[in-house]
Amino acid sequence: MIASPCINICAMNPQTGLCAGCYRTIDEITAWARLDDPGRLDILAAVGRRRQAHQPHEKDSRRNGKQNG
C-alpha cells in the first residue's frame, strides 16, 4: 500500500485548487482511501509535476547559495 503524500499542512489554495501541503486536489484527497496502488501512483506523479511547477526556483536558489572553496 502506497502512503499518502499528506504532510499535515492542510489548506486548500482557492486560486490553484490544490492543498498547500501535498499539492492534491480535493477530489484526489477524498478518493485516496478508495484507490488502488496504480491510482495512487497516478496522483503521486501529478503531485510531483505540480510541486515542480509551483517551486521551480527552489533548487536554483539552493545551488546558487552554495560557495565552493
PDB file of N, CA and C in Angstrom:
ATOM      1  N   MET A   1       0.846  -1.187   0.000  1.00  0.00           N
ATOM      2  CA  MET A   1       0.000   0.000   0.000  1.00  0.00           C
ATOM      3  C   MET A   1       0.886   1.243   0.000  1.00  0.00           C
ATOM      4  N   ILE A   2       0.569   2.177  -0.856  1.00  0.00           N
ATOM      5  CA  ILE A   2       1.332   3.409  -1.003  1.00  0.00           C
ATOM      6  C   ILE A   2       0.805   4.446  -0.018  1.00  0.00           C
ATOM      7  N   ALA A   3       1.730   5.054   0.724  1.00  0.00           N
ATOM      8  CA  ALA A   3       1.370   6.033   1.752  1.00  0.00           C
ATOM      9  C   ALA A   3       0.904   7.341   1.129  1.00  0.00           C
ATOM     10  N   SER A   4       0.056   8.033   1.850  1.00  0.00           N
ATOM     11  CA  SER A   4      -0.452   9.325   1.434  1.00  0.00           C
ATOM     12  C   SER A   4       0.672  10.360   1.428  1.00  0.00           C
ATOM     13  N   PRO A   5       0.626  11.308   0.489  1.00  0.00           N
ATOM     14  CA  PRO A   5       1.617  12.383   0.471  1.00  0.00           C
ATOM     15  C   PRO A   5       1.296  13.503   1.464  1.00  0.00           C
ATOM     16  N   CYS A   6       0.253  13.334   2.259  1.00  0.00           N
ATOM     17  CA  CYS A   6      -0.143  14.361   3.218  1.00  0.00           C
ATOM     18  C   CYS A   6       1.000  14.635   4.202  1.00  0.00           C
ATOM     19  N   ILE A   7       1.275  15.935   4.428  1.00  0.00           N
ATOM     20  CA  ILE A   7       2.298  16.330   5.400  1.00  0.00           C
ATOM     21  C   ILE A   7       1.691  17.175   6.523  1.00  0.00           C
ATOM     22  N   ASN A   8       0.376  17.068   6.685  1.00  0.00           N
ATOM     23  CA  ASN A   8      -0.352  17.773   7.750  1.00  0.00           C
ATOM     24  C   ASN A   8      -0.248  19.289   7.681  1.00  0.00           C
ATOM     25  N   ILE A   9      -0.163  19.794   6.470  1.00  0.00           N
ATOM     26  CA  ILE A   9      -0.304  21.230   6.214  1.00  0.00           C
ATOM     27  C   ILE A   9      -1.501  21.335   5.284  1.00  0.00           C
ATOM     28  N   CYS A  10      -2.668  21.205   5.857  1.00  0.00           N
ATOM     29  CA  CYS A  10      -3.901  21.064   5.080  1.00  0.00           C
ATOM     30  C   CYS A  10      -4.592  22.407   4.920  1.00  0.00           C
ATOM     31  N   ALA A  11      -4.390  23.011   3.776  1.00  0.00           N
ATOM     32  CA  ALA A  11      -5.036  24.283   3.465  1.00  0.00           C
ATOM     33  C   ALA A  11      -5.203  24.342   1.957  1.00  0.00           C
ATOM     34  N   MET A  12      -6.451  24.400   1.522  1.00  0.00           N
ATOM     35  CA  MET A  12      -6.719  24.469   0.087  1.00  0.00           C
ATOM     36  C   MET A  12      -6.487  25.884  -0.422  1.00  0.00           C
ATOM     37  N   ASN A  13      -5.714  26.001  -1.486  1.00  0.00           N
ATOM     38  CA  ASN A  13      -5.465  27.288  -2.118  1.00  0.00           C
ATOM     39  C   ASN A  13      -6.614  27.550  -3.088  1.00  0.00           C
ATOM     40  N   PRO A  14      -7.413  28.577  -2.854  1.00  0.00           N
ATOM     41  CA  PRO A  14      -8.572  28.820  -3.713  1.00  0.00           C
ATOM     42  C   PRO A  14      -8.189  29.196  -5.148  1.00  0.00           C
ATOM     43  N   GLN A  15      -6.998  29.731  -5.340  1.00  0.00           N
ATOM     44  CA  GLN A  15      -6.570  30.118  -6.693  1.00  0.00           C
ATOM     45  C   GLN A  15      -6.156  28.906  -7.527  1.00  0.00           C
ATOM     46  N   THR A  16      -5.462  27.955  -6.903  1.00  0.00           N
ATOM     47  CA  THR A  16      -4.979  26.792  -7.648  1.00  0.00           C
ATOM     48  C   THR A  16      -5.883  25.576  -7.496  1.00  0.00           C
ATOM     49  N   GLY A  17      -6.659  25.531  -6.416  1.00  0.00           N
ATOM     50  CA  GLY A  17      -7.475  24.355  -6.135  1.00  0.00           C
ATOM     51  C   GLY A  17      -6.668  23.207  -5.566  1.00  0.00           C
ATOM     52  N   LEU A  18      -5.451  23.506  -5.110  1.00  0.00           N
ATOM     53  CA  LEU A  18      -4.551  22.487  -4.579  1.00  0.00           C
ATOM     54  C   LEU A  18      -4.304  22.695  -3.092  1.00  0.00           C
ATOM     55  N   CYS A  19      -4.057  21.600  -2.392  1.00  0.00           N
ATOM     56  CA  CYS A  19      -3.655  21.677  -0.997  1.00  0.00           C
ATOM     57  C   CYS A  19      -2.247  22.269  -0.938  1.00  0.00           C
ATOM     58  N   ALA A  20      -2.031  23.192  -0.026  1.00  0.00           N
ATOM     59  CA  ALA A  20      -0.725  23.838   0.120  1.00  0.00           C
ATOM     60  C   ALA A  20       0.343  22.867   0.610  1.00  0.00           C
ATOM     61  N   GLY A  21      -0.057  21.796   1.271  1.00  0.00           N
ATOM     62  CA  GLY A  21       0.911  20.844   1.800  1.00  0.00           C
ATOM     63  C   GLY A  21       1.269  19.718   0.850  1.00  0.00           C
ATOM     64  N   CYS A  22       0.251  19.114   0.246  1.00  0.00           N
ATOM     65  CA  CYS A  22       0.512  17.901  -0.550  1.00  0.00           C
ATOM     66  C   CYS A  22       0.269  18.081  -2.044  1.00  0.00           C
ATOM     67  N   TYR A  23      -0.218  19.229  -2.460  1.00  0.00           N
ATOM     68  CA  TYR A  23      -0.447  19.537  -3.875  1.00  0.00           C
ATOM     69  C   TYR A  23      -1.485  18.638  -4.543  1.00  0.00           C
ATOM     70  N   ARG A  24      -2.413  18.093  -3.748  1.00  0.00           N
ATOM     71  CA  ARG A  24      -3.509  17.323  -4.327  1.00  0.00           C
ATOM     72  C   ARG A  24      -4.756  18.190  -4.402  1.00  0.00           C
ATOM     73  N   THR A  25      -5.653  17.831  -5.319  1.00  0.00           N
ATOM     74  CA  THR A  25      -6.958  18.472  -5.386  1.00  0.00           C
ATOM     75  C   THR A  25      -7.846  17.858  -4.312  1.00  0.00           C
ATOM     76  N   ILE A  26      -8.955  18.502  -4.020  1.00  0.00           N
ATOM     77  CA  ILE A  26      -9.876  17.958  -3.017  1.00  0.00           C
ATOM     78  C   ILE A  26     -10.425  16.608  -3.488  1.00  0.00           C
ATOM     79  N   ASP A  27     -10.667  16.457  -4.778  1.00  0.00           N
ATOM     80  CA  ASP A  27     -11.146  15.172  -5.300  1.00  0.00           C
ATOM     81  C   ASP A  27     -10.111  14.073  -5.104  1.00  0.00           C
ATOM     82  N   GLU A  28      -8.844  14.393  -5.319  1.00  0.00           N
ATOM     83  CA  GLU A  28      -7.777  13.400  -5.117  1.00  0.00           C
ATOM     84  C   GLU A  28      -7.642  13.031  -3.643  1.00  0.00           C
ATOM     85  N   ILE A  29      -7.780  14.019  -2.770  1.00  0.00           N
ATOM     86  CA  ILE A  29      -7.679  13.768  -1.329  1.00  0.00           C
ATOM     87  C   ILE A  29      -8.804  12.846  -0.877  1.00  0.00           C
ATOM     88  N   THR A  30     -10.015  13.134  -1.318  1.00  0.00           N
ATOM     89  CA  THR A  30     -11.149  12.328  -0.864  1.00  0.00           C
ATOM     90  C   THR A  30     -11.149  10.937  -1.497  1.00  0.00           C
ATOM     91  N   ALA A  31     -10.601  10.787  -2.675  1.00  0.00           N
ATOM     92  CA  ALA A  31     -10.576   9.481  -3.349  1.00  0.00           C
ATOM     93  C   ALA A  31      -9.447   8.587  -2.861  1.00  0.00           C
ATOM     94  N   TRP A  32      -8.424   9.154  -2.239  1.00  0.00           N
ATOM     95  CA  TRP A  32      -7.197   8.428  -1.893  1.00  0.00           C
ATOM     96  C   TRP A  32      -7.454   7.089  -1.197  1.00  0.00           C
ATOM     97  N   ALA A  33      -8.298   7.071  -0.208  1.00  0.00           N
ATOM     98  CA  ALA A  33      -8.540   5.851   0.582  1.00  0.00           C
ATOM     99  C   ALA A  33      -9.172   4.740  -0.250  1.00  0.00           C
ATOM    100  N   ARG A  34      -9.872   5.095  -1.299  1.00  0.00           N
ATOM    101  CA  ARG A  34     -10.545   4.101  -2.140  1.00  0.00           C
ATOM    102  C   ARG A  34      -9.702   3.623  -3.314  1.00  0.00           C
ATOM    103  N   LEU A  35      -8.606   4.292  -3.590  1.00  0.00           N
ATOM    104  CA  LEU A  35      -7.799   3.978  -4.772  1.00  0.00           C
ATOM    105  C   LEU A  35      -6.882   2.790  -4.555  1.00  0.00           C
ATOM    106  N   ASP A  36      -6.621   2.063  -5.647  1.00  0.00           N
ATOM    107  CA  ASP A  36      -5.606   1.008  -5.617  1.00  0.00           C
ATOM    108  C   ASP A  36      -4.239   1.657  -5.869  1.00  0.00           C
ATOM    109  N   ASP A  37      -3.181   0.874  -5.771  1.00  0.00           N
ATOM    110  CA  ASP A  37      -1.836   1.437  -5.921  1.00  0.00           C
ATOM    111  C   ASP A  37      -1.608   2.118  -7.271  1.00  0.00           C
ATOM    112  N   PRO A  38      -2.058   1.560  -8.392  1.00  0.00           N
ATOM    113  CA  PRO A  38      -1.867   2.291  -9.659  1.00  0.00           C
ATOM    114  C   PRO A  38      -2.555   3.662  -9.660  1.00  0.00           C
ATOM    115  N   GLY A  39      -3.731   3.748  -9.075  1.00  0.00           N
ATOM    116  CA  GLY A  39      -4.416   5.036  -8.976  1.00  0.00           C
ATOM    117  C   GLY A  39      -3.657   6.017  -8.105  1.00  0.00           C
ATOM    118  N   ARG A  40      -3.105   5.510  -7.016  1.00  0.00           N
ATOM    119  CA  ARG A  40      -2.313   6.371  -6.127  1.00  0.00           C
ATOM    120  C   ARG A  40      -1.028   6.833  -6.810  1.00  0.00           C
ATOM    121  N   LEU A  41      -0.420   5.945  -7.578  1.00  0.00           N
ATOM    122  CA  LEU A  41       0.796   6.323  -8.305  1.00  0.00           C
ATOM    123  C   LEU A  41       0.505   7.413  -9.333  1.00  0.00           C
ATOM    124  N   ASP A  42      -0.656   7.347  -9.960  1.00  0.00           N
ATOM    125  CA  ASP A  42      -1.046   8.406 -10.897  1.00  0.00           C
ATOM    126  C   ASP A  42      -1.130   9.751 -10.182  1.00  0.00           C
ATOM    127  N   ILE A  43      -1.728   9.759  -9.006  1.00  0.00           N
ATOM    128  CA  ILE A  43      -1.836  11.000  -8.233  1.00  0.00           C
ATOM    129  C   ILE A  43      -0.455  11.481  -7.801  1.00  0.00           C
ATOM    130  N   LEU A  44       0.390  10.571  -7.348  1.00  0.00           N
ATOM    131  CA  LEU A  44       1.738  10.970  -6.926  1.00  0.00           C
ATOM    132  C   LEU A  44       2.537  11.560  -8.082  1.00  0.00           C
ATOM    133  N   ALA A  45       2.346  11.036  -9.278  1.00  0.00           N
ATOM    134  CA  ALA A  45       3.023  11.598 -10.450  1.00  0.00           C
ATOM    135  C   ALA A  45       2.533  13.019 -10.706  1.00  0.00           C
ATOM    136  N   ALA A  46       1.217  13.221 -10.611  1.00  0.00           N
ATOM    137  CA  ALA A  46       0.657  14.564 -10.796  1.00  0.00           C
ATOM    138  C   ALA A  46       1.157  15.512  -9.712  1.00  0.00           C
ATOM    139  N   VAL A  47       1.231  15.028  -8.477  1.00  0.00           N
ATOM    140  CA  VAL A  47       1.741  15.833  -7.362  1.00  0.00           C
ATOM    141  C   VAL A  47       3.181  16.273  -7.644  1.00  0.00           C
ATOM    142  N   GLY A  48       3.998  15.361  -8.132  1.00  0.00           N
ATOM    143  CA  GLY A  48       5.386  15.699  -8.456  1.00  0.00           C
ATOM    144  C   GLY A  48       5.486  16.786  -9.511  1.00  0.00           C
ATOM    145  N   ARG A  49       4.660  16.672 -10.537  1.00  0.00           N
ATOM    146  CA  ARG A  49       4.657  17.707 -11.587  1.00  0.00           C
ATOM    147  C   ARG A  49       4.200  19.055 -11.027  1.00  0.00           C
ATOM    148  N   ARG A  50       3.176  19.027 -10.203  1.00  0.00           N
ATOM    149  CA  ARG A  50       2.663  20.280  -9.621  1.00  0.00           C
ATOM    150  C   ARG A  50       3.687  20.921  -8.700  1.00  0.00           C
ATOM    151  N   ARG A  51       4.333  20.097  -7.902  1.00  0.00           N
ATOM    152  CA  ARG A  51       5.333  20.616  -6.965  1.00  0.00           C
ATOM    153  C   ARG A  51       6.453  21.318  -7.734  1.00  0.00           C
ATOM    154  N   GLN A  52       6.908  20.705  -8.818  1.00  0.00           N
ATOM    155  CA  GLN A  52       7.957  21.317  -9.642  1.00  0.00           C
ATOM    156  C   GLN A  52       7.469  22.621 -10.266  1.00  0.00           C
ATOM    157  N   ALA A  53       6.237  22.627 -10.738  1.00  0.00           N
ATOM    158  CA  ALA A  53       5.692  23.822 -11.376  1.00  0.00           C
ATOM    159  C   ALA A  53       5.523  24.972 -10.395  1.00  0.00           C
ATOM    160  N   HIS A  54       5.229  24.666  -9.133  1.00  0.00           N
ATOM    161  CA  HIS A  54       4.989  25.714  -8.144  1.00  0.00           C
ATOM    162  C   HIS A  54       6.236  26.095  -7.363  1.00  0.00           C
ATOM    163  N   GLN A  55       7.305  25.313  -7.486  1.00  0.00           N
ATOM    164  CA  GLN A  55       8.550  25.622  -6.780  1.00  0.00           C
ATOM    165  C   GLN A  55       9.741  25.517  -7.729  1.00  0.00           C
ATOM    166  N   PRO A  56       9.692  26.177  -8.881  1.00  0.00           N
ATOM    167  CA  PRO A  56      10.742  25.984  -9.882  1.00  0.00           C
ATOM    168  C   PRO A  56      12.104  26.538  -9.491  1.00  0.00           C
ATOM    169  N   HIS A  57      12.142  27.518  -8.616  1.00  0.00           N
ATOM    170  CA  HIS A  57      13.411  28.166  -8.305  1.00  0.00           C
ATOM    171  C   HIS A  57      14.030  27.680  -6.998  1.00  0.00           C
ATOM    172  N   GLU A  58      13.372  26.791  -6.301  1.00  0.00           N
ATOM    173  CA  GLU A  58      13.875  26.337  -5.010  1.00  0.00           C
ATOM    174  C   GLU A  58      15.248  25.674  -5.151  1.00  0.00           C
ATOM    175  N   LYS A  59      15.393  24.776  -6.120  1.00  0.00           N
ATOM    176  CA  LYS A  59      16.675  24.112  -6.325  1.00  0.00           C
ATOM    177  C   LYS A  59      17.732  25.102  -6.788  1.00  0.00           C
ATOM    178  N   ASP A  60      17.367  26.020  -7.680  1.00  0.00           N
ATOM    179  CA  ASP A  60      18.316  27.001  -8.181  1.00  0.00           C
ATOM    180  C   ASP A  60      18.834  27.902  -7.066  1.00  0.00           C
ATOM    181  N   SER A  61      17.961  28.331  -6.155  1.00  0.00           N
ATOM    182  CA  SER A  61      18.405  29.221  -5.093  1.00  0.00           C
ATOM    183  C   SER A  61      19.317  28.489  -4.119  1.00  0.00           C
ATOM    184  N   ARG A  62      19.066  27.222  -3.898  1.00  0.00           N
ATOM    185  CA  ARG A  62      19.962  26.440  -3.036  1.00  0.00           C
ATOM    186  C   ARG A  62      21.324  26.294  -3.696  1.00  0.00           C
ATOM    187  N   ARG A  63      21.321  25.998  -4.982  1.00  0.00           N
ATOM    188  CA  ARG A  63      22.565  25.789  -5.707  1.00  0.00           C
ATOM    189  C   ARG A  63      23.368  27.082  -5.774  1.00  0.00           C
ATOM    190  N   ASN A  64      22.689  28.197  -6.032  1.00  0.00           N
ATOM    191  CA  ASN A  64      23.366  29.479  -6.144  1.00  0.00           C
ATOM    192  C   ASN A  64      23.854  29.982  -4.789  1.00  0.00           C
ATOM    193  N   GLY A  65      23.255  29.535  -3.724  1.00  0.00           N
ATOM    194  CA  GLY A  65      23.656  29.964  -2.395  1.00  0.00           C
ATOM    195  C   GLY A  65      24.917  29.278  -1.897  1.00  0.00           C
ATOM    196  N   LYS A  66      25.285  28.165  -2.530  1.00  0.00           N
ATOM    197  CA  LYS A  66      26.490  27.447  -2.109  1.00  0.00           C
ATOM    198  C   LYS A  66      27.712  28.121  -2.682  1.00  0.00           C
ATOM    199  N   GLN A  67      28.732  28.172  -1.853  1.00  0.00           N
ATOM    200  CA  GLN A  67      30.006  28.732  -2.319  1.00  0.00           C
ATOM    201  C   GLN A  67      31.049  27.636  -2.285  1.00  0.00           C
ATOM    202  N   ASN A  68      31.761  27.502  -3.357  1.00  0.00           N
ATOM    203  CA  ASN A  68      32.813  26.484  -3.443  1.00  0.00           C
ATOM    204  C   ASN A  68      34.126  27.076  -2.982  1.00  0.00           C
ATOM    205  N   GLY A  69      34.929  26.249  -2.296  1.00  0.00           N
ATOM    206  CA  GLY A  69      36.271  26.670  -1.935  1.00  0.00           C
ATOM    207  C   GLY A  69      36.380  27.022  -0.570  1.00  0.00           C
TER     208      GLY A  69
END
